[in-house]
Amino acid sequence: MKVLTNIFITLAIMVSLACGSTPNPKPPPEYSTLDQVYKKTKDGQGKVYVLFSAPWCESCEHLKKLLTQEGIVNKIMILNVDKTENFLFSRDLEVKGLPALVIFDHGQISLPRHGANKILLHLVNIEQDG
């Protein structure tokens, strides 16, 4: 059943990305600051999802809209890599392209996940499981 759900979600994402339209347009969320990310991750308590994005990145902007529609956007922190400090932080975490998701889990840092489809599927699966 989970495989069928993933296939359906993937198809919906692909159609949505291809069409470039969203049924319920909401403004994309505001960016977090690096200080906010540091404060949330420094205690090592629980998972923190950090999405590296940029306003000029079409995939990033579309992903943020989809995350807003799914009600997931309020559970992640979004950093704008156009700010120098955020860009340097992304490079320290081996982010090679946008969009990218890094998970801080009880002091452990995941390798970045790249690509809007992979990120959305990962976050939707976590939302369904948790």
N, C-alpha and C. Protein backbone atom coordinates (compact mmCIF):
# COMPACT_ATOMS: atom_id res chain seq x y z
N MET A 1 0.83 -1.19 0.00
CA MET A 1 0.00 0.00 0.00
C MET A 1 0.87 1.26 0.00
N LYS A 2 1.97 1.22 0.76
CA LYS A 2 2.86 2.38 0.84
C LYS A 2 3.50 2.64 -0.52
N VAL A 3 3.79 1.59 -1.28
CA VAL A 3 4.38 1.74 -2.61
C VAL A 3 3.39 2.45 -3.53
N LEU A 4 2.12 2.07 -3.47
CA LEU A 4 1.11 2.73 -4.30
C LEU A 4 0.95 4.19 -3.91
N THR A 5 1.00 4.48 -2.64
CA THR A 5 0.92 5.86 -2.16
C THR A 5 2.09 6.67 -2.70
N ASN A 6 3.30 6.11 -2.62
CA ASN A 6 4.49 6.80 -3.13
C ASN A 6 4.40 7.04 -4.63
N ILE A 7 3.89 6.06 -5.37
CA ILE A 7 3.73 6.21 -6.81
C ILE A 7 2.73 7.32 -7.12
N PHE A 8 1.61 7.32 -6.40
CA PHE A 8 0.61 8.36 -6.60
C PHE A 8 1.17 9.74 -6.29
N ILE A 9 1.88 9.87 -5.19
CA ILE A 9 2.46 11.15 -4.81
C ILE A 9 3.48 11.60 -5.85
N THR A 10 4.31 10.68 -6.33
CA THR A 10 5.30 11.01 -7.35
C THR A 10 4.62 11.51 -8.62
N LEU A 11 3.57 10.82 -9.05
CA LEU A 11 2.85 11.25 -10.25
C LEU A 11 2.22 12.61 -10.06
N ALA A 12 1.63 12.84 -8.90
CA ALA A 12 1.00 14.14 -8.63
C ALA A 12 2.05 15.26 -8.63
N ILE A 13 3.21 14.98 -8.07
CA ILE A 13 4.29 15.97 -8.05
C ILE A 13 4.75 16.27 -9.47
N MET A 14 4.95 15.21 -10.25
CA MET A 14 5.44 15.39 -11.62
C MET A 14 4.45 16.20 -12.45
N VAL A 15 3.17 15.91 -12.33
CA VAL A 15 2.15 16.65 -13.06
C VAL A 15 2.13 18.09 -12.60
N SER A 16 2.19 18.29 -11.30
CA SER A 16 2.16 19.64 -10.75
C SER A 16 3.38 20.45 -11.20
N LEU A 17 4.57 19.82 -11.17
CA LEU A 17 5.78 20.52 -11.61
C LEU A 17 5.72 20.81 -13.11
N ALA A 18 5.17 19.89 -13.88
CA ALA A 18 5.09 20.09 -15.33
C ALA A 18 4.11 21.20 -15.68
N CYS A 19 3.01 21.25 -14.97
CA CYS A 19 1.98 22.26 -15.26
C CYS A 19 2.34 23.62 -14.66
N GLY A 20 3.06 23.60 -13.56
CA GLY A 20 3.43 24.85 -12.90
C GLY A 20 2.26 25.52 -12.22
N SER A 21 1.17 24.78 -12.00
CA SER A 21 0.02 25.39 -11.36
C SER A 21 -0.25 24.72 -10.02
N THR A 22 -0.86 25.48 -9.15
CA THR A 22 -1.24 24.96 -7.85
C THR A 22 -2.71 25.28 -7.61
N PRO A 23 -3.49 24.33 -7.07
CA PRO A 23 -4.91 24.56 -6.90
C PRO A 23 -5.24 25.60 -5.84
N ASN A 24 -4.42 25.76 -4.84
CA ASN A 24 -4.71 26.68 -3.75
C ASN A 24 -3.48 27.53 -3.48
N PRO A 25 -3.23 28.54 -4.29
CA PRO A 25 -1.99 29.30 -4.11
C PRO A 25 -1.98 30.08 -2.81
N LYS A 26 -0.93 29.88 -2.05
CA LYS A 26 -0.69 30.63 -0.82
C LYS A 26 0.69 31.23 -0.96
N PRO A 27 0.94 32.30 -0.26
CA PRO A 27 2.29 32.86 -0.36
C PRO A 27 3.31 31.90 0.23
N PRO A 28 4.49 31.81 -0.40
CA PRO A 28 5.51 30.92 0.15
C PRO A 28 5.95 31.41 1.53
N PRO A 29 6.43 30.51 2.36
CA PRO A 29 6.80 30.89 3.71
C PRO A 29 8.04 31.79 3.73
N GLU A 30 8.18 32.48 4.83
CA GLU A 30 9.36 33.33 5.02
C GLU A 30 10.57 32.45 5.30
N TYR A 31 11.74 33.02 5.06
CA TYR A 31 12.98 32.31 5.33
C TYR A 31 13.33 32.40 6.81
N SER A 32 13.96 31.35 7.32
CA SER A 32 14.50 31.34 8.67
C SER A 32 15.88 31.99 8.64
N THR A 33 16.36 32.39 9.80
CA THR A 33 17.71 32.92 9.88
C THR A 33 18.64 31.80 10.36
N LEU A 34 19.92 31.99 10.11
CA LEU A 34 20.90 31.01 10.56
C LEU A 34 20.91 30.92 12.08
N ASP A 35 20.72 32.05 12.76
CA ASP A 35 20.65 32.04 14.23
C ASP A 35 19.49 31.17 14.72
N GLN A 36 18.34 31.24 14.04
CA GLN A 36 17.19 30.41 14.43
C GLN A 36 17.52 28.93 14.26
N VAL A 37 18.20 28.60 13.18
CA VAL A 37 18.59 27.20 12.95
C VAL A 37 19.55 26.73 14.03
N TYR A 38 20.56 27.55 14.33
CA TYR A 38 21.53 27.19 15.38
C TYR A 38 20.83 26.98 16.72
N LYS A 39 19.92 27.87 17.08
CA LYS A 39 19.22 27.73 18.36
C LYS A 39 18.41 26.44 18.43
N LYS A 40 17.76 26.12 17.32
CA LYS A 40 16.92 24.93 17.31
C LYS A 40 17.72 23.63 17.28
N THR A 41 18.91 23.65 16.68
CA THR A 41 19.71 22.43 16.54
C THR A 41 20.74 22.24 17.64
N LYS A 42 21.09 23.30 18.37
CA LYS A 42 22.20 23.20 19.32
C LYS A 42 21.92 22.28 20.49
N ASP A 43 20.67 22.14 20.89
CA ASP A 43 20.38 21.29 22.05
C ASP A 43 20.38 19.80 21.70
N GLY A 44 20.29 19.48 20.40
CA GLY A 44 20.32 18.07 19.99
C GLY A 44 19.09 17.29 20.38
N GLN A 45 18.00 17.99 20.66
CA GLN A 45 16.75 17.35 21.08
C GLN A 45 15.80 17.24 19.90
N GLY A 46 15.65 16.06 19.34
CA GLY A 46 14.69 15.85 18.26
C GLY A 46 15.23 16.18 16.90
N LYS A 47 14.35 16.09 15.91
CA LYS A 47 14.73 16.32 14.52
C LYS A 47 14.41 17.75 14.10
N VAL A 48 15.32 18.31 13.31
CA VAL A 48 15.13 19.62 12.72
C VAL A 48 15.39 19.46 11.22
N TYR A 49 14.42 19.84 10.40
CA TYR A 49 14.53 19.74 8.96
C TYR A 49 14.88 21.12 8.41
N VAL A 50 16.01 21.21 7.69
CA VAL A 50 16.46 22.48 7.12
C VAL A 50 16.48 22.34 5.61
N LEU A 51 15.70 23.20 4.95
CA LEU A 51 15.62 23.22 3.50
C LEU A 51 16.44 24.40 2.98
N PHE A 52 17.41 24.10 2.13
CA PHE A 52 18.21 25.15 1.50
C PHE A 52 17.53 25.54 0.20
N SER A 53 17.30 26.83 0.03
CA SER A 53 16.50 27.32 -1.07
C SER A 53 17.02 28.68 -1.52
N ALA A 54 16.43 29.22 -2.58
CA ALA A 54 16.74 30.57 -3.05
C ALA A 54 15.53 31.09 -3.82
N PRO A 55 15.28 32.39 -3.76
CA PRO A 55 14.10 32.93 -4.45
C PRO A 55 14.17 32.80 -5.97
N TRP A 56 15.35 32.70 -6.55
CA TRP A 56 15.49 32.57 -8.00
C TRP A 56 15.37 31.12 -8.48
N CYS A 57 15.32 30.18 -7.56
CA CYS A 57 15.25 28.75 -7.89
C CYS A 57 13.77 28.36 -8.06
N GLU A 58 13.36 28.11 -9.32
CA GLU A 58 11.96 27.77 -9.59
C GLU A 58 11.52 26.49 -8.88
N SER A 59 12.38 25.48 -8.89
CA SER A 59 12.03 24.23 -8.19
C SER A 59 11.85 24.46 -6.70
N CYS A 60 12.71 25.31 -6.13
CA CYS A 60 12.61 25.61 -4.69
C CYS A 60 11.29 26.29 -4.37
N GLU A 61 10.95 27.29 -5.17
CA GLU A 61 9.71 28.04 -4.93
C GLU A 61 8.49 27.14 -5.10
N HIS A 62 8.51 26.29 -6.11
CA HIS A 62 7.40 25.37 -6.31
C HIS A 62 7.32 24.35 -5.17
N LEU A 63 8.47 23.87 -4.73
CA LEU A 63 8.50 22.93 -3.61
C LEU A 63 7.91 23.59 -2.36
N LYS A 64 8.24 24.83 -2.10
CA LYS A 64 7.70 25.52 -0.93
C LYS A 64 6.18 25.64 -1.02
N LYS A 65 5.66 25.89 -2.22
CA LYS A 65 4.21 25.96 -2.39
C LYS A 65 3.57 24.60 -2.11
N LEU A 66 4.19 23.52 -2.62
CA LEU A 66 3.65 22.18 -2.39
C LEU A 66 3.71 21.81 -0.91
N LEU A 67 4.79 22.18 -0.24
CA LEU A 67 4.91 21.90 1.20
C LEU A 67 3.87 22.69 1.99
N THR A 68 3.56 23.89 1.52
CA THR A 68 2.52 24.69 2.17
C THR A 68 1.17 24.00 2.00
N GLN A 69 0.87 23.52 0.80
CA GLN A 69 -0.39 22.82 0.54
C GLN A 69 -0.53 21.57 1.39
N GLU A 70 0.58 20.85 1.58
CA GLU A 70 0.55 19.61 2.36
C GLU A 70 0.54 19.87 3.86
N GLY A 71 0.71 21.12 4.27
CA GLY A 71 0.74 21.46 5.69
C GLY A 71 2.03 21.07 6.38
N ILE A 72 3.08 20.89 5.60
CA ILE A 72 4.37 20.45 6.14
C ILE A 72 5.31 21.63 6.35
N VAL A 73 5.07 22.72 5.65
CA VAL A 73 6.03 23.83 5.62
C VAL A 73 6.30 24.41 7.01
N ASN A 74 5.34 24.33 7.91
CA ASN A 74 5.54 24.86 9.27
C ASN A 74 6.39 23.94 10.14
N LYS A 75 6.78 22.79 9.60
CA LYS A 75 7.59 21.84 10.37
C LYS A 75 9.05 21.83 9.92
N ILE A 76 9.39 22.72 8.96
CA ILE A 76 10.76 22.79 8.48
C ILE A 76 11.27 24.22 8.59
N MET A 77 12.58 24.36 8.52
CA MET A 77 13.21 25.68 8.51
C MET A 77 13.80 25.86 7.11
N ILE A 78 13.58 27.03 6.52
CA ILE A 78 14.04 27.29 5.16
C ILE A 78 15.10 28.38 5.20
N LEU A 79 16.27 28.06 4.64
CA LEU A 79 17.37 29.03 4.58
C LEU A 79 17.58 29.49 3.15
N ASN A 80 17.75 30.79 2.98
CA ASN A 80 18.03 31.40 1.68
C ASN A 80 19.53 31.40 1.46
N VAL A 81 20.01 30.63 0.48
CA VAL A 81 21.46 30.54 0.25
C VAL A 81 22.03 31.78 -0.42
N ASP A 82 21.18 32.73 -0.79
CA ASP A 82 21.69 34.00 -1.32
C ASP A 82 22.40 34.81 -0.25
N LYS A 83 22.09 34.54 1.01
CA LYS A 83 22.81 35.20 2.10
C LYS A 83 24.13 34.46 2.29
N THR A 84 25.21 35.20 2.38
CA THR A 84 26.55 34.61 2.42
C THR A 84 26.70 33.60 3.54
N GLU A 85 26.24 33.93 4.74
CA GLU A 85 26.41 33.00 5.87
C GLU A 85 25.66 31.70 5.64
N ASN A 86 24.49 31.78 5.03
CA ASN A 86 23.72 30.57 4.74
C ASN A 86 24.38 29.74 3.64
N PHE A 87 24.94 30.42 2.65
CA PHE A 87 25.66 29.73 1.57
C PHE A 87 26.86 28.97 2.13
N LEU A 88 27.64 29.63 2.98
CA LEU A 88 28.80 28.97 3.58
C LEU A 88 28.37 27.78 4.44
N PHE A 89 27.29 27.95 5.20
CA PHE A 89 26.75 26.86 6.02
C PHE A 89 26.34 25.69 5.12
N SER A 90 25.70 25.98 3.98
CA SER A 90 25.28 24.91 3.07
C SER A 90 26.49 24.15 2.53
N ARG A 91 27.56 24.85 2.25
CA ARG A 91 28.77 24.19 1.73
C ARG A 91 29.42 23.33 2.82
N ASP A 92 29.39 23.78 4.07
CA ASP A 92 29.91 22.97 5.17
C ASP A 92 29.15 21.65 5.29
N LEU A 93 27.87 21.67 4.91
CA LEU A 93 27.03 20.48 4.99
C LEU A 93 27.01 19.68 3.68
N GLU A 94 27.87 20.05 2.75
CA GLU A 94 28.01 19.36 1.46
C GLU A 94 26.80 19.47 0.56
N VAL A 95 26.07 20.58 0.67
CA VAL A 95 24.96 20.85 -0.24
C VAL A 95 25.57 21.24 -1.58
N LYS A 96 25.19 20.54 -2.64
CA LYS A 96 25.77 20.76 -3.96
C LYS A 96 24.81 21.43 -4.93
N GLY A 97 23.53 21.50 -4.61
CA GLY A 97 22.54 22.11 -5.49
C GLY A 97 21.27 22.39 -4.73
N LEU A 98 20.33 23.04 -5.40
CA LEU A 98 19.07 23.43 -4.77
C LEU A 98 17.90 22.77 -5.51
N PRO A 99 16.84 22.51 -4.79
CA PRO A 99 16.70 22.55 -3.34
C PRO A 99 17.42 21.38 -2.69
N ALA A 100 17.73 21.54 -1.42
CA ALA A 100 18.40 20.48 -0.67
C ALA A 100 17.85 20.46 0.76
N LEU A 101 17.70 19.27 1.29
CA LEU A 101 17.19 19.09 2.65
C LEU A 101 18.25 18.40 3.49
N VAL A 102 18.53 18.98 4.67
CA VAL A 102 19.45 18.38 5.63
C VAL A 102 18.66 18.19 6.93
N ILE A 103 18.84 17.02 7.54
CA ILE A 103 18.12 16.70 8.78
C ILE A 103 19.11 16.62 9.93
N PHE A 104 18.82 17.38 10.97
CA PHE A 104 19.59 17.32 12.22
C PHE A 104 18.76 16.47 13.17
N ASP A 105 19.31 15.33 13.57
CA ASP A 105 18.57 14.37 14.39
C ASP A 105 19.38 14.03 15.63
N HIS A 106 19.00 14.61 16.76
CA HIS A 106 19.66 14.36 18.04
C HIS A 106 21.18 14.52 17.93
N GLY A 107 21.60 15.61 17.30
CA GLY A 107 23.02 15.90 17.17
C GLY A 107 23.69 15.30 15.95
N GLN A 108 23.02 14.39 15.25
CA GLN A 108 23.56 13.79 14.03
C GLN A 108 23.05 14.59 12.83
N ILE A 109 23.90 14.71 11.81
CA ILE A 109 23.53 15.46 10.62
C ILE A 109 23.48 14.51 9.43
N SER A 110 22.36 14.52 8.71
CA SER A 110 22.21 13.64 7.55
C SER A 110 22.95 14.22 6.35
N LEU A 111 23.23 13.36 5.38
CA LEU A 111 23.71 13.85 4.10
C LEU A 111 22.56 14.59 3.43
N PRO A 112 22.86 15.59 2.62
CA PRO A 112 21.77 16.34 1.97
C PRO A 112 20.97 15.48 1.00
N ARG A 113 19.69 15.74 0.96
CA ARG A 113 18.81 15.16 -0.05
C ARG A 113 18.58 16.27 -1.07
N HIS A 114 18.82 15.98 -2.34
CA HIS A 114 18.68 16.98 -3.39
C HIS A 114 17.49 16.66 -4.28
N GLY A 115 16.86 17.68 -4.79
CA GLY A 115 15.76 17.51 -5.74
C GLY A 115 14.40 17.64 -5.09
N ALA A 116 13.53 18.42 -5.72
CA ALA A 116 12.21 18.70 -5.17
C ALA A 116 11.39 17.43 -4.95
N ASN A 117 11.40 16.51 -5.92
CA ASN A 117 10.60 15.29 -5.80
C ASN A 117 11.05 14.43 -4.62
N LYS A 118 12.36 14.21 -4.51
CA LYS A 118 12.88 13.38 -3.41
C LYS A 118 12.58 14.02 -2.06
N ILE A 119 12.75 15.32 -1.98
CA ILE A 119 12.51 16.01 -0.71
C ILE A 119 11.03 15.93 -0.33
N LEU A 120 10.15 16.21 -1.27
CA LEU A 120 8.71 16.17 -0.97
C LEU A 120 8.28 14.77 -0.57
N LEU A 121 8.72 13.75 -1.31
CA LEU A 121 8.37 12.37 -0.95
C LEU A 121 8.86 12.02 0.45
N HIS A 122 10.08 12.41 0.76
CA HIS A 122 10.64 12.12 2.08
C HIS A 122 9.80 12.77 3.18
N LEU A 123 9.49 14.04 3.01
CA LEU A 123 8.74 14.76 4.04
C LEU A 123 7.30 14.27 4.16
N VAL A 124 6.67 13.93 3.04
CA VAL A 124 5.31 13.41 3.08
C VAL A 124 5.29 12.05 3.77
N ASN A 125 6.28 11.19 3.47
CA ASN A 125 6.36 9.88 4.15
C ASN A 125 6.55 10.03 5.64
N ILE A 126 7.38 10.97 6.04
CA ILE A 126 7.59 11.21 7.48
C ILE A 126 6.29 11.68 8.12
N GLU A 127 5.59 12.56 7.43
CA GLU A 127 4.31 13.08 7.93
C GLU A 127 3.29 11.96 8.10
N GLN A 128 3.25 11.01 7.13
CA GLN A 128 2.31 9.89 7.19
C GLN A 128 2.68 8.92 8.31
N ASP A 129 3.99 8.70 8.50
CA ASP A 129 4.45 7.75 9.52
C ASP A 129 4.34 8.32 10.93
N GLY A 130 4.48 9.62 11.05
CA GLY A 130 4.55 10.21 12.38
C GLY A 130 3.35 10.95 12.74
